[in-house]
Amino acid sequence: MTACLVYVTASSREEALQIGRVLVEERLVACVNVLDGMTSLYWWQGAIEEGQEAVLIAKTRQELVDRIIDRVKPLHSYECPCIVAWPIEKANPDYLNWIADETTAE
């Protein structure tokens, strides 16, 4: 199993918690961390925008990332939500085993 971190930005802490709870309940992820109070600067529809967001970081299996993307999109308030994943190259083996045990294999 290759483990991944999935990074999602959300419009608020509440939205991030709602999305995170669904992902954990459905065993698509083993854990989520929600970090509130991030300021984002970005291009959107031809203009630079600035806004407050929350970050959701989820721990999961690489083979579940496509399912996570498909699950997050309808739950998200953004037209084009940021949902990106990075493989975990090194980690505590016990923690990786825990991720494997707590997520659903495909």
Foldseek 3Di string as FASTA:
>chain_A
DWKKKKKWKAQFQVLLVVLQVVCQVQQLFVDKDKAFFDWDWDDDPHDIDIGGIIMIITMAHPVSLVVSVVSVVVSGPDPDIRIDMDIDPDDDVVVVVSRVVRHDDD
